[in-house]
Amino acid sequence: MAKEVVTIDKQAGYGDLAGRVAGLLRQGGVVVFPTETVYGIAANAANPAAMARLRTIKQRADAQPFTVHLGHPRDAEGYFVSSSPLARRFSRKCWPGQVTLLCESADPTKT
């Protein structure tokens, strides 16, 4: 995949850019993006090849997990060994929002 640098035009909106980025992630691409404090780097956690590429880029050992960002609480089910009733209730009450849940992964080498 070729490298592409995109300048965000706030007046044009983010819709087209968001669609392009989503497409890149679906295809196994890796995306670097600014946050309020640092630059983040993202890959599709459901794509093993993309996660391997991310591990290589970040020089991260297989045993060291990544953070997984989800669009909806139900999306978490595929990443947990089992979610406790407390974790499910907490996610229902607090998501969406700035909340992080630490849970055991079904396969820590993939996330």
Protein backbone atom coordinates (compact mmCIF):
# COMPACT_ATOMS: atom_id res chain seq x y z
CA MET A 1 0.00 0.00 0.00
CA ALA A 2 1.27 3.43 -0.89
CA LYS A 3 1.72 6.11 1.72
CA GLU A 4 -0.68 9.04 1.50
CA VAL A 5 -0.67 12.23 3.54
CA VAL A 6 -4.01 14.02 3.79
CA THR A 7 -4.55 17.58 4.95
CA ILE A 8 -7.91 18.02 6.65
CA ASP A 9 -10.04 20.83 5.29
CA LYS A 10 -12.32 21.67 8.22
CA GLN A 11 -14.63 23.76 6.02
CA ALA A 12 -15.23 20.86 3.60
CA GLY A 13 -16.18 18.54 6.44
CA TYR A 14 -14.96 15.11 7.43
CA GLY A 15 -17.47 12.81 5.70
CA ASP A 16 -15.43 11.96 2.59
CA LEU A 17 -12.22 11.61 4.57
CA ALA A 18 -13.87 9.34 7.16
CA GLY A 19 -15.13 7.09 4.37
CA ARG A 20 -11.67 6.88 2.80
CA VAL A 21 -10.04 6.05 6.13
CA ALA A 22 -12.65 3.38 6.90
CA GLY A 23 -12.00 1.84 3.50
CA LEU A 24 -8.25 1.77 4.12
CA LEU A 25 -8.76 0.09 7.48
CA ARG A 26 -11.11 -2.50 5.94
CA GLN A 27 -8.42 -3.28 3.34
CA GLY A 28 -5.81 -3.90 6.05
CA GLY A 29 -4.16 -0.49 5.95
CA VAL A 30 -2.60 1.35 8.87
CA VAL A 31 -3.64 4.94 9.62
CA VAL A 32 -1.83 7.63 11.63
CA PHE A 33 -4.04 10.36 13.06
CA PRO A 34 -3.74 13.30 15.47
CA THR A 35 -5.45 13.26 18.86
CA GLU A 36 -5.59 15.99 21.50
CA THR A 37 -2.23 14.95 22.96
CA VAL A 38 -0.33 12.59 20.63
CA TYR A 39 -0.46 10.99 17.21
CA GLY A 40 -2.24 7.64 17.21
CA ILE A 41 -1.73 4.73 14.86
CA ALA A 42 -4.58 2.38 14.05
CA ALA A 43 -5.29 -0.87 12.24
CA ASN A 44 -8.36 -3.10 11.95
CA ALA A 45 -8.27 -5.36 15.04
CA ALA A 46 -10.36 -7.95 13.17
CA ASN A 47 -7.71 -8.28 10.43
CA PRO A 48 -4.74 -10.47 11.50
CA ALA A 49 -2.49 -9.20 8.69
CA ALA A 50 -3.19 -5.57 9.65
CA MET A 51 -2.45 -6.33 13.30
CA ALA A 52 0.83 -8.04 12.34
CA ARG A 53 1.75 -4.93 10.31
CA LEU A 54 0.92 -2.71 13.29
CA ARG A 55 3.06 -4.90 15.61
CA THR A 56 5.97 -4.58 13.19
CA ILE A 57 5.61 -0.80 12.87
CA LYS A 58 5.36 -0.32 16.64
CA GLN A 59 7.96 -3.01 17.40
CA ARG A 60 5.53 -4.50 19.91
CA ALA A 61 5.89 -8.04 21.26
CA ASP A 62 3.07 -10.52 20.67
CA ALA A 63 2.33 -10.71 24.41
CA GLN A 64 1.79 -6.95 24.68
CA PRO A 65 -1.86 -6.14 23.82
CA PHE A 66 -3.25 -3.15 21.98
CA THR A 67 -6.21 -0.98 22.86
CA VAL A 68 -9.30 -1.82 20.80
CA HIS A 69 -11.69 1.02 20.01
CA LEU A 70 -15.29 -0.02 19.39
CA GLY A 71 -18.27 1.57 17.70
CA HIS A 72 -20.84 -0.10 19.93
CA PRO A 73 -20.71 -2.09 23.20
CA ARG A 74 -22.02 -5.22 21.45
CA ASP A 75 -18.86 -5.16 19.28
CA ALA A 76 -16.80 -6.02 22.37
CA GLU A 77 -18.19 -9.57 22.57
CA GLY A 78 -15.73 -10.89 19.97
CA TYR A 79 -12.71 -9.67 21.91
CA PHE A 80 -13.43 -10.97 25.42
CA VAL A 81 -12.99 -14.45 26.87
CA SER A 82 -16.20 -13.69 28.71
CA SER A 83 -17.62 -10.43 29.88
CA SER A 84 -18.93 -10.27 33.40
CA PRO A 85 -22.40 -8.93 34.16
CA LEU A 86 -20.67 -5.98 35.84
CA ALA A 87 -18.62 -5.17 32.71
CA ARG A 88 -21.74 -5.39 30.51
CA ARG A 89 -23.72 -3.13 32.87
CA PHE A 90 -20.83 -0.67 33.12
CA SER A 91 -20.56 -0.47 29.33
CA ARG A 92 -24.34 0.07 28.94
CA LYS A 93 -24.32 2.90 31.50
CA CYS A 94 -21.08 4.64 30.48
CA TRP A 95 -20.68 4.18 26.73
CA PRO A 96 -20.38 6.18 24.65
CA GLY A 97 -17.95 8.20 26.66
CA GLN A 98 -14.39 8.37 27.83
CA VAL A 99 -14.40 4.99 29.52
CA THR A 100 -11.83 2.22 29.34
CA LEU A 101 -12.53 -1.39 30.32
CA LEU A 102 -9.64 -3.79 30.86
CA CYS A 103 -10.73 -7.32 30.05
CA GLU A 104 -9.02 -10.59 29.22
CA SER A 105 -8.76 -11.05 25.47
CA ALA A 106 -9.89 -14.22 23.70
CA ASP A 107 -6.59 -14.19 21.76
CA PRO A 108 -4.11 -11.57 23.05
CA THR A 109 -1.79 -12.10 20.07
CA LYS A 110 -4.41 -10.61 17.75
CA THR A 111 -5.17 -7.40 19.68
